[in-house]
Amino acid sequence: MCLVFSNEEMREFMKSIKTQTGKPDRMFGFGFDSPNEVLLTRGNADGMQRDYSAHLFKSKCAAMKTALASS
């Protein structure tokens, strides 16, 4: 399984990774039960699993083509 983030999306993601006490965390984890759903299972201060399925490779193909065409 491959997740795709733009530079800005990755910067924001890394800044958002927190421990349950709200301090920056250097660890995070994703979980999945199917190839269509990816959840952040570690790295969210409130302990809720956040959906990152929109970052699956197949969902980002159009954005990658655009980025490659403009480089």
PDB file of N, CA and C in Angstrom:
ATOM      1  N   MET A   1       0.855  -1.164   0.000  1.00  0.00           N
ATOM      2  CA  MET A   1       0.000   0.000   0.000  1.00  0.00           C
ATOM      3  C   MET A   1       0.904   1.230   0.000  1.00  0.00           C
ATOM      4  N   CYS A   2       0.549   2.179  -0.811  1.00  0.00           N
ATOM      5  CA  CYS A   2       1.371   3.381  -0.955  1.00  0.00           C
ATOM      6  C   CYS A   2       0.505   4.616  -0.732  1.00  0.00           C
ATOM      7  N   LEU A   3       0.959   5.492   0.161  1.00  0.00           N
ATOM      8  CA  LEU A   3       0.292   6.768   0.394  1.00  0.00           C
ATOM      9  C   LEU A   3       1.110   7.860  -0.271  1.00  0.00           C
ATOM     10  N   VAL A   4       0.442   8.861  -0.820  1.00  0.00           N
ATOM     11  CA  VAL A   4       1.101   9.948  -1.534  1.00  0.00           C
ATOM     12  C   VAL A   4       0.693  11.270  -0.891  1.00  0.00           C
ATOM     13  N   PHE A   5       1.694  12.092  -0.570  1.00  0.00           N
ATOM     14  CA  PHE A   5       1.477  13.416   0.017  1.00  0.00           C
ATOM     15  C   PHE A   5       2.282  14.433  -0.789  1.00  0.00           C
ATOM     16  N   SER A   6       1.717  15.611  -0.987  1.00  0.00           N
ATOM     17  CA  SER A   6       2.511  16.700  -1.544  1.00  0.00           C
ATOM     18  C   SER A   6       3.470  17.169  -0.446  1.00  0.00           C
ATOM     19  N   ASN A   7       4.436  18.001  -0.807  1.00  0.00           N
ATOM     20  CA  ASN A   7       5.356  18.529   0.211  1.00  0.00           C
ATOM     21  C   ASN A   7       4.593  19.254   1.312  1.00  0.00           C
ATOM     22  N   GLU A   8       3.633  20.091   0.918  1.00  0.00           N
ATOM     23  CA  GLU A   8       2.858  20.859   1.909  1.00  0.00           C
ATOM     24  C   GLU A   8       2.000  19.937   2.766  1.00  0.00           C
ATOM     25  N   GLU A   9       1.366  18.948   2.155  1.00  0.00           N
ATOM     26  CA  GLU A   9       0.559  17.995   2.926  1.00  0.00           C
ATOM     27  C   GLU A   9       1.426  17.238   3.940  1.00  0.00           C
ATOM     28  N   MET A  10       2.632  16.864   3.535  1.00  0.00           N
ATOM     29  CA  MET A  10       3.518  16.141   4.453  1.00  0.00           C
ATOM     30  C   MET A  10       3.985  17.043   5.592  1.00  0.00           C
ATOM     31  N   ARG A  11       4.299  18.305   5.282  1.00  0.00           N
ATOM     32  CA  ARG A  11       4.681  19.248   6.339  1.00  0.00           C
ATOM     33  C   ARG A  11       3.564  19.366   7.374  1.00  0.00           C
ATOM     34  N   GLU A  12       2.344  19.548   6.885  1.00  0.00           N
ATOM     35  CA  GLU A  12       1.196  19.677   7.796  1.00  0.00           C
ATOM     36  C   GLU A  12       0.953  18.388   8.572  1.00  0.00           C
ATOM     37  N   PHE A  13       1.084  17.262   7.902  1.00  0.00           N
ATOM     38  CA  PHE A  13       0.907  15.980   8.577  1.00  0.00           C
ATOM     39  C   PHE A  13       1.917  15.819   9.704  1.00  0.00           C
ATOM     40  N   MET A  14       3.187  16.071   9.407  1.00  0.00           N
ATOM     41  CA  MET A  14       4.232  15.894  10.419  1.00  0.00           C
ATOM     42  C   MET A  14       4.043  16.861  11.597  1.00  0.00           C
ATOM     43  N   LYS A  15       3.575  18.076  11.312  1.00  0.00           N
ATOM     44  CA  LYS A  15       3.306  19.026  12.398  1.00  0.00           C
ATOM     45  C   LYS A  15       2.119  18.576  13.251  1.00  0.00           C
ATOM     46  N   SER A  16       1.212  17.808  12.675  1.00  0.00           N
ATOM     47  CA  SER A  16       0.004  17.408  13.398  1.00  0.00           C
ATOM     48  C   SER A  16       0.213  16.184  14.290  1.00  0.00           C
ATOM     49  N   ILE A  17       1.323  15.477  14.123  1.00  0.00           N
ATOM     50  CA  ILE A  17       1.560  14.265  14.909  1.00  0.00           C
ATOM     51  C   ILE A  17       1.868  14.658  16.351  1.00  0.00           C
ATOM     52  N   LYS A  18       1.004  14.220  17.270  1.00  0.00           N
ATOM     53  CA  LYS A  18       1.118  14.584  18.689  1.00  0.00           C
ATOM     54  C   LYS A  18       0.909  13.356  19.564  1.00  0.00           C
ATOM     55  N   THR A  19       1.471  13.419  20.761  1.00  0.00           N
ATOM     56  CA  THR A  19       1.198  12.402  21.770  1.00  0.00           C
ATOM     57  C   THR A  19      -0.176  12.682  22.373  1.00  0.00           C
ATOM     58  N   GLN A  20      -0.658  11.799  23.217  1.00  0.00           N
ATOM     59  CA  GLN A  20      -1.960  12.023  23.846  1.00  0.00           C
ATOM     60  C   GLN A  20      -1.926  13.213  24.807  1.00  0.00           C
ATOM     61  N   THR A  21      -0.737  13.628  25.215  1.00  0.00           N
ATOM     62  CA  THR A  21      -0.642  14.822  26.066  1.00  0.00           C
ATOM     63  C   THR A  21      -0.485  16.089  25.242  1.00  0.00           C
ATOM     64  N   GLY A  22      -0.468  15.951  23.903  1.00  0.00           N
ATOM     65  CA  GLY A  22      -0.407  17.104  23.016  1.00  0.00           C
ATOM     66  C   GLY A  22       0.992  17.541  22.625  1.00  0.00           C
ATOM     67  N   LYS A  23       2.001  16.799  23.040  1.00  0.00           N
ATOM     68  CA  LYS A  23       3.383  17.135  22.680  1.00  0.00           C
ATOM     69  C   LYS A  23       3.718  16.527  21.310  1.00  0.00           C
ATOM     70  N   PRO A  24       4.638  17.147  20.581  1.00  0.00           N
ATOM     71  CA  PRO A  24       5.047  16.568  19.294  1.00  0.00           C
ATOM     72  C   PRO A  24       5.542  15.133  19.483  1.00  0.00           C
ATOM     73  N   ASP A  25       5.171  14.271  18.573  1.00  0.00           N
ATOM     74  CA  ASP A  25       5.570  12.863  18.632  1.00  0.00           C
ATOM     75  C   ASP A  25       6.391  12.550  17.391  1.00  0.00           C
ATOM     76  N   ARG A  26       7.404  11.728  17.522  1.00  0.00           N
ATOM     77  CA  ARG A  26       8.186  11.355  16.346  1.00  0.00           C
ATOM     78  C   ARG A  26       7.714  10.036  15.765  1.00  0.00           C
ATOM     79  N   MET A  27       6.699   9.460  16.381  1.00  0.00           N
ATOM     80  CA  MET A  27       6.160   8.183  15.902  1.00  0.00           C
ATOM     81  C   MET A  27       4.716   8.362  15.438  1.00  0.00           C
ATOM     82  N   PHE A  28       4.351   7.614  14.426  1.00  0.00           N
ATOM     83  CA  PHE A  28       2.967   7.561  13.970  1.00  0.00           C
ATOM     84  C   PHE A  28       2.746   6.206  13.322  1.00  0.00           C
ATOM     85  N   GLY A  29       1.501   5.838  13.152  1.00  0.00           N
ATOM     86  CA  GLY A  29       1.210   4.557  12.523  1.00  0.00           C
ATOM     87  C   GLY A  29      -0.106   4.599  11.783  1.00  0.00           C
ATOM     88  N   PHE A  30      -0.169   3.820  10.726  1.00  0.00           N
ATOM     89  CA  PHE A  30      -1.386   3.679   9.941  1.00  0.00           C
ATOM     90  C   PHE A  30      -1.866   2.242  10.047  1.00  0.00           C
ATOM     91  N   GLY A  31      -3.168   2.078   9.991  1.00  0.00           N
ATOM     92  CA  GLY A  31      -3.754   0.747   9.979  1.00  0.00           C
ATOM     93  C   GLY A  31      -4.739   0.640   8.832  1.00  0.00           C
ATOM     94  N   PHE A  32      -4.959  -0.584   8.384  1.00  0.00           N
ATOM     95  CA  PHE A  32      -5.917  -0.799   7.293  1.00  0.00           C
ATOM     96  C   PHE A  32      -6.429  -2.230   7.358  1.00  0.00           C
ATOM     97  N   ASP A  33      -7.700  -2.378   7.031  1.00  0.00           N
ATOM     98  CA  ASP A  33      -8.320  -3.696   6.935  1.00  0.00           C
ATOM     99  C   ASP A  33      -8.648  -4.048   5.488  1.00  0.00           C
ATOM    100  N   SER A  34      -8.632  -3.029   4.639  1.00  0.00           N
ATOM    101  CA  SER A  34      -8.910  -3.257   3.224  1.00  0.00           C
ATOM    102  C   SER A  34      -8.021  -2.309   2.425  1.00  0.00           C
ATOM    103  N   PRO A  35      -7.855  -2.556   1.135  1.00  0.00           N
ATOM    104  CA  PRO A  35      -7.002  -1.676   0.327  1.00  0.00           C
ATOM    105  C   PRO A  35      -7.646  -0.326   0.019  1.00  0.00           C
ATOM    106  N   ASN A  36      -8.855  -0.081   0.505  1.00  0.00           N
ATOM    107  CA  ASN A  36      -9.553   1.166   0.208  1.00  0.00           C
ATOM    108  C   ASN A  36      -9.667   2.117   1.389  1.00  0.00           C
ATOM    109  N   GLU A  37      -9.207   1.701   2.563  1.00  0.00           N
ATOM    110  CA  GLU A  37      -9.339   2.544   3.752  1.00  0.00           C
ATOM    111  C   GLU A  37      -8.056   2.491   4.572  1.00  0.00           C
ATOM    112  N   VAL A  38      -7.503   3.663   4.847  1.00  0.00           N
ATOM    113  CA  VAL A  38      -6.286   3.783   5.653  1.00  0.00           C
ATOM    114  C   VAL A  38      -6.573   4.746   6.786  1.00  0.00           C
ATOM    115  N   LEU A  39      -6.274   4.321   8.012  1.00  0.00           N
ATOM    116  CA  LEU A  39      -6.541   5.142   9.190  1.00  0.00           C
ATOM    117  C   LEU A  39      -5.256   5.410   9.954  1.00  0.00           C
ATOM    118  N   LEU A  40      -5.115   6.631  10.447  1.00  0.00           N
ATOM    119  CA  LEU A  40      -4.009   6.962  11.340  1.00  0.00           C
ATOM    120  C   LEU A  40      -4.346   6.355  12.692  1.00  0.00           C
ATOM    121  N   THR A  41      -3.544   5.415  13.157  1.00  0.00           N
ATOM    122  CA  THR A  41      -3.830   4.719  14.410  1.00  0.00           C
ATOM    123  C   THR A  41      -2.949   5.177  15.561  1.00  0.00           C
ATOM    124  N   ARG A  42      -1.856   5.838  15.263  1.00  0.00           N
ATOM    125  CA  ARG A  42      -1.006   6.425  16.291  1.00  0.00           C
ATOM    126  C   ARG A  42      -0.502   7.757  15.780  1.00  0.00           C
ATOM    127  N   GLY A  43      -0.532   8.761  16.660  1.00  0.00           N
ATOM    128  CA  GLY A  43      -0.035  10.076  16.281  1.00  0.00           C
ATOM    129  C   GLY A  43      -1.083  11.158  16.377  1.00  0.00           C
ATOM    130  N   ASN A  44      -2.259  10.809  16.856  1.00  0.00           N
ATOM    131  CA  ASN A  44      -3.339  11.773  16.992  1.00  0.00           C
ATOM    132  C   ASN A  44      -3.611  11.987  18.476  1.00  0.00           C
ATOM    133  N   ALA A  45      -3.474  13.201  18.956  1.00  0.00           N
ATOM    134  CA  ALA A  45      -3.573  13.498  20.380  1.00  0.00           C
ATOM    135  C   ALA A  45      -4.904  13.077  20.990  1.00  0.00           C
ATOM    136  N   ASP A  46      -5.997  13.160  20.233  1.00  0.00           N
ATOM    137  CA  ASP A  46      -7.295  12.801  20.816  1.00  0.00           C
ATOM    138  C   ASP A  46      -7.579  11.302  20.752  1.00  0.00           C
ATOM    139  N   GLY A  47      -6.662  10.527  20.172  1.00  0.00           N
ATOM    140  CA  GLY A  47      -6.809   9.082  20.123  1.00  0.00           C
ATOM    141  C   GLY A  47      -7.778   8.576  19.067  1.00  0.00           C
ATOM    142  N   MET A  48      -8.439   9.483  18.367  1.00  0.00           N
ATOM    143  CA  MET A  48      -9.369   9.081  17.314  1.00  0.00           C
ATOM    144  C   MET A  48      -8.588   8.686  16.057  1.00  0.00           C
ATOM    145  N   GLN A  49      -9.099   7.723  15.341  1.00  0.00           N
ATOM    146  CA  GLN A  49      -8.460   7.294  14.103  1.00  0.00           C
ATOM    147  C   GLN A  49      -8.906   8.216  12.979  1.00  0.00           C
ATOM    148  N   ARG A  50      -7.955   8.865  12.335  1.00  0.00           N
ATOM    149  CA  ARG A  50      -8.258   9.758  11.220  1.00  0.00           C
ATOM    150  C   ARG A  50      -8.115   9.019   9.899  1.00  0.00           C
ATOM    151  N   ASP A  51      -9.009   9.331   8.991  1.00  0.00           N
ATOM    152  CA  ASP A  51      -9.036   8.679   7.689  1.00  0.00           C
ATOM    153  C   ASP A  51      -8.055   9.364   6.733  1.00  0.00           C
ATOM    154  N   TYR A  52      -7.112   8.604   6.206  1.00  0.00           N
ATOM    155  CA  TYR A  52      -6.142   9.102   5.232  1.00  0.00           C
ATOM    156  C   TYR A  52      -6.300   8.390   3.887  1.00  0.00           C
ATOM    157  N   SER A  53      -7.469   7.829   3.651  1.00  0.00           N
ATOM    158  CA  SER A  53      -7.721   7.094   2.413  1.00  0.00           C
ATOM    159  C   SER A  53      -7.569   7.978   1.178  1.00  0.00           C
ATOM    160  N   ALA A  54      -7.804   9.268   1.315  1.00  0.00           N
ATOM    161  CA  ALA A  54      -7.667  10.186   0.183  1.00  0.00           C
ATOM    162  C   ALA A  54      -6.221  10.275  -0.299  1.00  0.00           C
ATOM    163  N   HIS A  55      -5.274   9.793   0.504  1.00  0.00           N
ATOM    164  CA  HIS A  55      -3.855   9.828   0.129  1.00  0.00           C
ATOM    165  C   HIS A  55      -3.381   8.523  -0.501  1.00  0.00           C
ATOM    166  N   LEU A  56      -4.292   7.579  -0.723  1.00  0.00           N
ATOM    167  CA  LEU A  56      -3.912   6.351  -1.417  1.00  0.00           C
ATOM    168  C   LEU A  56      -3.423   6.677  -2.823  1.00  0.00           C
ATOM    169  N   PHE A  57      -2.459   5.922  -3.295  1.00  0.00           N
ATOM    170  CA  PHE A  57      -1.850   6.147  -4.603  1.00  0.00           C
ATOM    171  C   PHE A  57      -2.900   6.343  -5.694  1.00  0.00           C
ATOM    172  N   LYS A  58      -3.899   5.449  -5.726  1.00  0.00           N
ATOM    173  CA  LYS A  58      -4.899   5.521  -6.790  1.00  0.00           C
ATOM    174  C   LYS A  58      -5.712   6.805  -6.731  1.00  0.00           C
ATOM    175  N   SER A  59      -5.827   7.401  -5.551  1.00  0.00           N
ATOM    176  CA  SER A  59      -6.573   8.655  -5.402  1.00  0.00           C
ATOM    177  C   SER A  59      -5.750   9.870  -5.800  1.00  0.00           C
ATOM    178  N   LYS A  60      -4.441   9.721  -5.852  1.00  0.00           N
ATOM    179  CA  LYS A  60      -3.548  10.848  -6.117  1.00  0.00           C
ATOM    180  C   LYS A  60      -2.935  10.828  -7.515  1.00  0.00           C
ATOM    181  N   CYS A  61      -3.309   9.865  -8.339  1.00  0.00           N
ATOM    182  CA  CYS A  61      -2.711   9.742  -9.670  1.00  0.00           C
ATOM    183  C   CYS A  61      -2.861  11.014 -10.516  1.00  0.00           C
ATOM    184  N   ALA A  62      -4.042  11.597 -10.531  1.00  0.00           N
ATOM    185  CA  ALA A  62      -4.264  12.810 -11.344  1.00  0.00           C
ATOM    186  C   ALA A  62      -3.361  13.949 -10.861  1.00  0.00           C
ATOM    187  N   ALA A  63      -3.259  14.129  -9.554  1.00  0.00           N
ATOM    188  CA  ALA A  63      -2.420  15.193  -9.009  1.00  0.00           C
ATOM    189  C   ALA A  63      -0.942  14.933  -9.327  1.00  0.00           C
ATOM    190  N   MET A  64      -0.520  13.678  -9.294  1.00  0.00           N
ATOM    191  CA  MET A  64       0.866  13.362  -9.627  1.00  0.00           C
ATOM    192  C   MET A  64       1.161  13.632 -11.104  1.00  0.00           C
ATOM    193  N   LYS A  65       0.222  13.287 -11.989  1.00  0.00           N
ATOM    194  CA  LYS A  65       0.403  13.550 -13.418  1.00  0.00           C
ATOM    195  C   LYS A  65       0.541  15.052 -13.666  1.00  0.00           C
ATOM    196  N   THR A  66      -0.298  15.830 -13.000  1.00  0.00           N
ATOM    197  CA  THR A  66      -0.236  17.278 -13.150  1.00  0.00           C
ATOM    198  C   THR A  66       1.107  17.823 -12.654  1.00  0.00           C
ATOM    199  N   ALA A  67       1.536  17.333 -11.505  1.00  0.00           N
ATOM    200  CA  ALA A  67       2.807  17.800 -10.939  1.00  0.00           C
ATOM    201  C   ALA A  67       3.984  17.427 -11.845  1.00  0.00           C
ATOM    202  N   LEU A  68       3.970  16.230 -12.398  1.00  0.00           N
ATOM    203  CA  LEU A  68       5.053  15.795 -13.275  1.00  0.00           C
ATOM    204  C   LEU A  68       5.049  16.557 -14.597  1.00  0.00           C
ATOM    205  N   ALA A  69       3.869  16.863 -15.094  1.00  0.00           N
ATOM    206  CA  ALA A  69       3.766  17.596 -16.357  1.00  0.00           C
ATOM    207  C   ALA A  69       4.242  19.033 -16.230  1.00  0.00           C
ATOM    208  N   SER A  70       4.139  19.600 -15.036  1.00  0.00           N
ATOM    209  CA  SER A  70       4.523  21.008 -14.860  1.00  0.00           C
ATOM    210  C   SER A  70       5.969  21.159 -14.376  1.00  0.00           C
ATOM    211  N   SER A  71       6.677  20.064 -14.190  1.00  0.00           N
ATOM    212  CA  SER A  71       8.065  20.186 -13.701  1.00  0.00           C
ATOM    213  C   SER A  71       9.069  20.275 -14.810  1.00  0.00           C
TER     214      SER A  71
END
